[in-house]
């Protein structure tokens, strides 16, 4: 019987999957947080944060417990060091590599499974932040199911 809540288990599985990637190198390890609180002005290094947005109990079978569905967002944020496009392109590539790493991922016991990864966050907001204070902000939304 699991000792973690399904949402915590899903967030930790995503965090562990990101941190175990070999196609990219993170300056710091991805973390699970309750909410984004750090001001972008104070951001000195790359941050990859995993945050749960919604949780829903699915009713699919006649069993006592069904899977739970979660919307979990992965934020990638960094204050840019230079004004060159190269740094931005590297961060865009990192975002894409993390997205591909998460897509259709399932834990070895198949309890946690990522069904969809999309960049449904409004790209206009991300572009505005980039132009206002030279910060790279990107996110992806994961639709995850956890077995009971």
C-alpha atoms as a PDB file:
ATOM      1  CA  UNK A   1       0.000   0.000   0.000  1.00  0.00           C
ATOM      2  CA  UNK A   2       1.490   3.399  -0.970  1.00  0.00           C
ATOM      3  CA  UNK A   3       2.391   5.838   1.785  1.00  0.00           C
ATOM      4  CA  UNK A   4       2.355   8.965  -0.412  1.00  0.00           C
ATOM      5  CA  UNK A   5      -0.644  10.811  -1.750  1.00  0.00           C
ATOM      6  CA  UNK A   6      -1.180  10.158  -5.474  1.00  0.00           C
ATOM      7  CA  UNK A   7      -0.354  13.775  -6.364  1.00  0.00           C
ATOM      8  CA  UNK A   8       2.933  13.679  -4.435  1.00  0.00           C
ATOM      9  CA  UNK A   9       3.807  10.341  -6.005  1.00  0.00           C
ATOM     10  CA  UNK A  10       3.129  11.756  -9.494  1.00  0.00           C
ATOM     11  CA  UNK A  11       5.160  14.936  -8.886  1.00  0.00           C
ATOM     12  CA  UNK A  12       8.081  12.955  -7.483  1.00  0.00           C
ATOM     13  CA  UNK A  13       8.009  10.542 -10.439  1.00  0.00           C
ATOM     14  CA  UNK A  14       8.186  13.500 -12.851  1.00  0.00           C
ATOM     15  CA  UNK A  15      10.992  15.108 -10.848  1.00  0.00           C
ATOM     16  CA  UNK A  16      12.977  11.855 -10.781  1.00  0.00           C
ATOM     17  CA  UNK A  17      12.461  11.329 -14.518  1.00  0.00           C
ATOM     18  CA  UNK A  18      13.726  14.843 -15.304  1.00  0.00           C
ATOM     19  CA  UNK A  19      16.730  14.488 -12.982  1.00  0.00           C
ATOM     20  CA  UNK A  20      17.732  11.139 -14.497  1.00  0.00           C
ATOM     21  CA  UNK A  21      17.983  12.559 -18.028  1.00  0.00           C
ATOM     22  CA  UNK A  22      21.278  12.014 -19.838  1.00  0.00           C
ATOM     23  CA  UNK A  23      20.568  14.066 -22.990  1.00  0.00           C
ATOM     24  CA  UNK A  24      20.932  17.323 -21.073  1.00  0.00           C
ATOM     25  CA  UNK A  25      22.750  18.721 -18.066  1.00  0.00           C
ATOM     26  CA  UNK A  26      20.845  20.653 -15.403  1.00  0.00           C
ATOM     27  CA  UNK A  27      22.709  23.231 -13.308  1.00  0.00           C
ATOM     28  CA  UNK A  28      20.572  22.192 -10.351  1.00  0.00           C
ATOM     29  CA  UNK A  29      18.239  19.265  -9.857  1.00  0.00           C
ATOM     30  CA  UNK A  30      14.534  19.633 -10.560  1.00  0.00           C
ATOM     31  CA  UNK A  31      12.437  20.075  -7.426  1.00  0.00           C
ATOM     32  CA  UNK A  32       8.819  19.551  -6.367  1.00  0.00           C
ATOM     33  CA  UNK A  33       7.284  22.735  -4.950  1.00  0.00           C
ATOM     34  CA  UNK A  34       3.821  23.766  -3.797  1.00  0.00           C
ATOM     35  CA  UNK A  35       3.862  27.064  -5.694  1.00  0.00           C
ATOM     36  CA  UNK A  36       6.218  29.372  -7.566  1.00  0.00           C
ATOM     37  CA  UNK A  37       7.316  31.983  -5.074  1.00  0.00           C
ATOM     38  CA  UNK A  38      10.745  33.057  -6.202  1.00  0.00           C
ATOM     39  CA  UNK A  39      10.913  36.438  -7.928  1.00  0.00           C
ATOM     40  CA  UNK A  40      12.541  36.243 -11.344  1.00  0.00           C
ATOM     41  CA  UNK A  41      14.801  39.162 -10.406  1.00  0.00           C
ATOM     42  CA  UNK A  42      16.347  37.004  -7.645  1.00  0.00           C
ATOM     43  CA  UNK A  43      16.802  34.016  -9.924  1.00  0.00           C
ATOM     44  CA  UNK A  44      20.534  33.453 -10.497  1.00  0.00           C
ATOM     45  CA  UNK A  45      20.573  29.959 -11.974  1.00  0.00           C
ATOM     46  CA  UNK A  46      18.340  27.644 -13.921  1.00  0.00           C
ATOM     47  CA  UNK A  47      15.279  26.386 -12.017  1.00  0.00           C
ATOM     48  CA  UNK A  48      13.118  23.432 -12.972  1.00  0.00           C
ATOM     49  CA  UNK A  49      10.073  23.213 -10.712  1.00  0.00           C
ATOM     50  CA  UNK A  50       7.307  20.589 -10.680  1.00  0.00           C
ATOM     51  CA  UNK A  51       3.940  21.803  -9.378  1.00  0.00           C
ATOM     52  CA  UNK A  52       0.578  20.065  -9.143  1.00  0.00           C
ATOM     53  CA  UNK A  53      -2.298  22.110 -10.541  1.00  0.00           C
ATOM     54  CA  UNK A  54      -5.345  19.832 -10.325  1.00  0.00           C
ATOM     55  CA  UNK A  55      -6.346  16.412  -9.052  1.00  0.00           C
ATOM     56  CA  UNK A  56      -9.461  14.430  -9.935  1.00  0.00           C
ATOM     57  CA  UNK A  57     -10.684  11.025  -8.854  1.00  0.00           C
ATOM     58  CA  UNK A  58     -11.701   9.047 -11.934  1.00  0.00           C
ATOM     59  CA  UNK A  59     -14.772   6.816 -11.879  1.00  0.00           C
ATOM     60  CA  UNK A  60     -14.078   4.271 -14.584  1.00  0.00           C
ATOM     61  CA  UNK A  61     -14.813   0.872 -13.067  1.00  0.00           C
ATOM     62  CA  UNK A  62     -16.925  -0.755 -10.399  1.00  0.00           C
ATOM     63  CA  UNK A  63     -13.862  -1.174  -8.177  1.00  0.00           C
ATOM     64  CA  UNK A  64     -13.753   0.616  -4.836  1.00  0.00           C
ATOM     65  CA  UNK A  65     -10.894   2.806  -6.033  1.00  0.00           C
ATOM     66  CA  UNK A  66     -10.137   4.055  -9.508  1.00  0.00           C
ATOM     67  CA  UNK A  67      -7.158   5.907 -10.898  1.00  0.00           C
ATOM     68  CA  UNK A  68      -6.668   9.550 -10.059  1.00  0.00           C
ATOM     69  CA  UNK A  69      -5.917  12.090 -12.768  1.00  0.00           C
ATOM     70  CA  UNK A  70      -3.526  15.001 -12.215  1.00  0.00           C
ATOM     71  CA  UNK A  71      -2.514  18.106 -14.111  1.00  0.00           C
ATOM     72  CA  UNK A  72       1.110  18.809 -13.207  1.00  0.00           C
ATOM     73  CA  UNK A  73       3.087  21.721 -14.615  1.00  0.00           C
ATOM     74  CA  UNK A  74       6.843  21.750 -15.103  1.00  0.00           C
ATOM     75  CA  UNK A  75       8.328  25.262 -15.057  1.00  0.00           C
ATOM     76  CA  UNK A  76      11.744  26.048 -16.543  1.00  0.00           C
ATOM     77  CA  UNK A  77      13.028  29.476 -15.532  1.00  0.00           C
ATOM     78  CA  UNK A  78      16.327  31.286 -15.827  1.00  0.00           C
ATOM     79  CA  UNK A  79      17.557  34.848 -15.700  1.00  0.00           C
ATOM     80  CA  UNK A  80      19.576  35.209 -18.902  1.00  0.00           C
ATOM     81  CA  UNK A  81      23.281  35.942 -18.523  1.00  0.00           C
ATOM     82  CA  UNK A  82      23.832  37.297 -22.002  1.00  0.00           C
ATOM     83  CA  UNK A  83      21.844  39.027 -24.671  1.00  0.00           C
ATOM     84  CA  UNK A  84      22.663  36.452 -27.314  1.00  0.00           C
ATOM     85  CA  UNK A  85      20.095  34.244 -28.961  1.00  0.00           C
ATOM     86  CA  UNK A  86      22.318  31.190 -28.337  1.00  0.00           C
ATOM     87  CA  UNK A  87      21.413  31.037 -24.641  1.00  0.00           C
ATOM     88  CA  UNK A  88      17.701  31.257 -25.455  1.00  0.00           C
ATOM     89  CA  UNK A  89      18.009  28.533 -28.086  1.00  0.00           C
ATOM     90  CA  UNK A  90      19.811  26.242 -25.617  1.00  0.00           C
ATOM     91  CA  UNK A  91      16.997  26.729 -23.093  1.00  0.00           C
ATOM     92  CA  UNK A  92      14.350  26.053 -25.753  1.00  0.00           C
ATOM     93  CA  UNK A  93      16.201  22.855 -26.625  1.00  0.00           C
ATOM     94  CA  UNK A  94      16.325  21.877 -22.936  1.00  0.00           C
ATOM     95  CA  UNK A  95      12.568  22.414 -22.668  1.00  0.00           C
ATOM     96  CA  UNK A  96      11.984  20.192 -25.705  1.00  0.00           C
ATOM     97  CA  UNK A  97      14.345  17.473 -24.389  1.00  0.00           C
ATOM     98  CA  UNK A  98      12.536  17.400 -21.046  1.00  0.00           C
ATOM     99  CA  UNK A  99       9.175  17.257 -22.824  1.00  0.00           C
ATOM    100  CA  UNK A 100      10.294  14.270 -24.919  1.00  0.00           C
ATOM    101  CA  UNK A 101      11.726  12.573 -21.821  1.00  0.00           C
ATOM    102  CA  UNK A 102       8.364  12.839 -20.032  1.00  0.00           C
ATOM    103  CA  UNK A 103       6.064  11.979 -22.925  1.00  0.00           C
ATOM    104  CA  UNK A 104       4.387   8.565 -22.425  1.00  0.00           C
ATOM    105  CA  UNK A 105       6.578   7.798 -19.404  1.00  0.00           C
ATOM    106  CA  UNK A 106       5.437   5.192 -16.877  1.00  0.00           C
ATOM    107  CA  UNK A 107       7.140   4.135 -13.671  1.00  0.00           C
ATOM    108  CA  UNK A 108       8.497   0.589 -13.578  1.00  0.00           C
ATOM    109  CA  UNK A 109       5.482  -0.596 -11.560  1.00  0.00           C
ATOM    110  CA  UNK A 110       3.104   1.255 -13.925  1.00  0.00           C
ATOM    111  CA  UNK A 111       1.454   3.082 -10.992  1.00  0.00           C
ATOM    112  CA  UNK A 112       2.277   6.527 -12.399  1.00  0.00           C
ATOM    113  CA  UNK A 113       1.810   7.167 -16.111  1.00  0.00           C
ATOM    114  CA  UNK A 114       2.136  10.381 -18.109  1.00  0.00           C
ATOM    115  CA  UNK A 115      -0.436  10.387 -20.886  1.00  0.00           C
ATOM    116  CA  UNK A 116       0.149  13.794 -22.417  1.00  0.00           C
ATOM    117  CA  UNK A 117       2.648  16.642 -22.286  1.00  0.00           C
ATOM    118  CA  UNK A 118       1.705  19.980 -23.811  1.00  0.00           C
ATOM    119  CA  UNK A 119       2.897  23.535 -23.661  1.00  0.00           C
ATOM    120  CA  UNK A 120      -0.558  24.908 -22.982  1.00  0.00           C
ATOM    121  CA  UNK A 121       0.777  27.845 -20.946  1.00  0.00           C
ATOM    122  CA  UNK A 122       0.100  31.052 -22.833  1.00  0.00           C
ATOM    123  CA  UNK A 123       3.224  31.705 -24.902  1.00  0.00           C
ATOM    124  CA  UNK A 124       2.465  35.448 -24.897  1.00  0.00           C
ATOM    125  CA  UNK A 125       3.048  35.664 -21.139  1.00  0.00           C
ATOM    126  CA  UNK A 126       6.352  33.853 -21.530  1.00  0.00           C
ATOM    127  CA  UNK A 127       7.410  36.175 -24.347  1.00  0.00           C
ATOM    128  CA  UNK A 128       6.438  39.257 -22.318  1.00  0.00           C
ATOM    129  CA  UNK A 129       8.574  38.103 -19.377  1.00  0.00           C
ATOM    130  CA  UNK A 130      11.470  37.498 -21.743  1.00  0.00           C
ATOM    131  CA  UNK A 131      11.311  41.018 -23.143  1.00  0.00           C
ATOM    132  CA  UNK A 132      10.615  42.794 -19.847  1.00  0.00           C
ATOM    133  CA  UNK A 133      13.392  41.453 -17.649  1.00  0.00           C
ATOM    134  CA  UNK A 134      15.485  39.135 -19.837  1.00  0.00           C
ATOM    135  CA  UNK A 135      14.166  36.013 -18.149  1.00  0.00           C
ATOM    136  CA  UNK A 136      13.496  32.727 -19.891  1.00  0.00           C
ATOM    137  CA  UNK A 137      10.221  31.232 -18.671  1.00  0.00           C
ATOM    138  CA  UNK A 138       8.706  28.129 -20.211  1.00  0.00           C
ATOM    139  CA  UNK A 139       6.332  25.486 -18.968  1.00  0.00           C
ATOM    140  CA  UNK A 140       4.713  22.258 -19.980  1.00  0.00           C
ATOM    141  CA  UNK A 141       1.551  20.677 -18.642  1.00  0.00           C
ATOM    142  CA  UNK A 142       1.544  16.939 -17.954  1.00  0.00           C
ATOM    143  CA  UNK A 143      -1.622  14.870 -17.729  1.00  0.00           C
ATOM    144  CA  UNK A 144      -0.794  12.060 -15.322  1.00  0.00           C
ATOM    145  CA  UNK A 145      -2.767   9.113 -13.987  1.00  0.00           C
ATOM    146  CA  UNK A 146      -1.906   7.289 -10.770  1.00  0.00           C
ATOM    147  CA  UNK A 147      -3.213   3.828  -9.942  1.00  0.00           C
ATOM    148  CA  UNK A 148      -4.554   3.260  -6.425  1.00  0.00           C
END
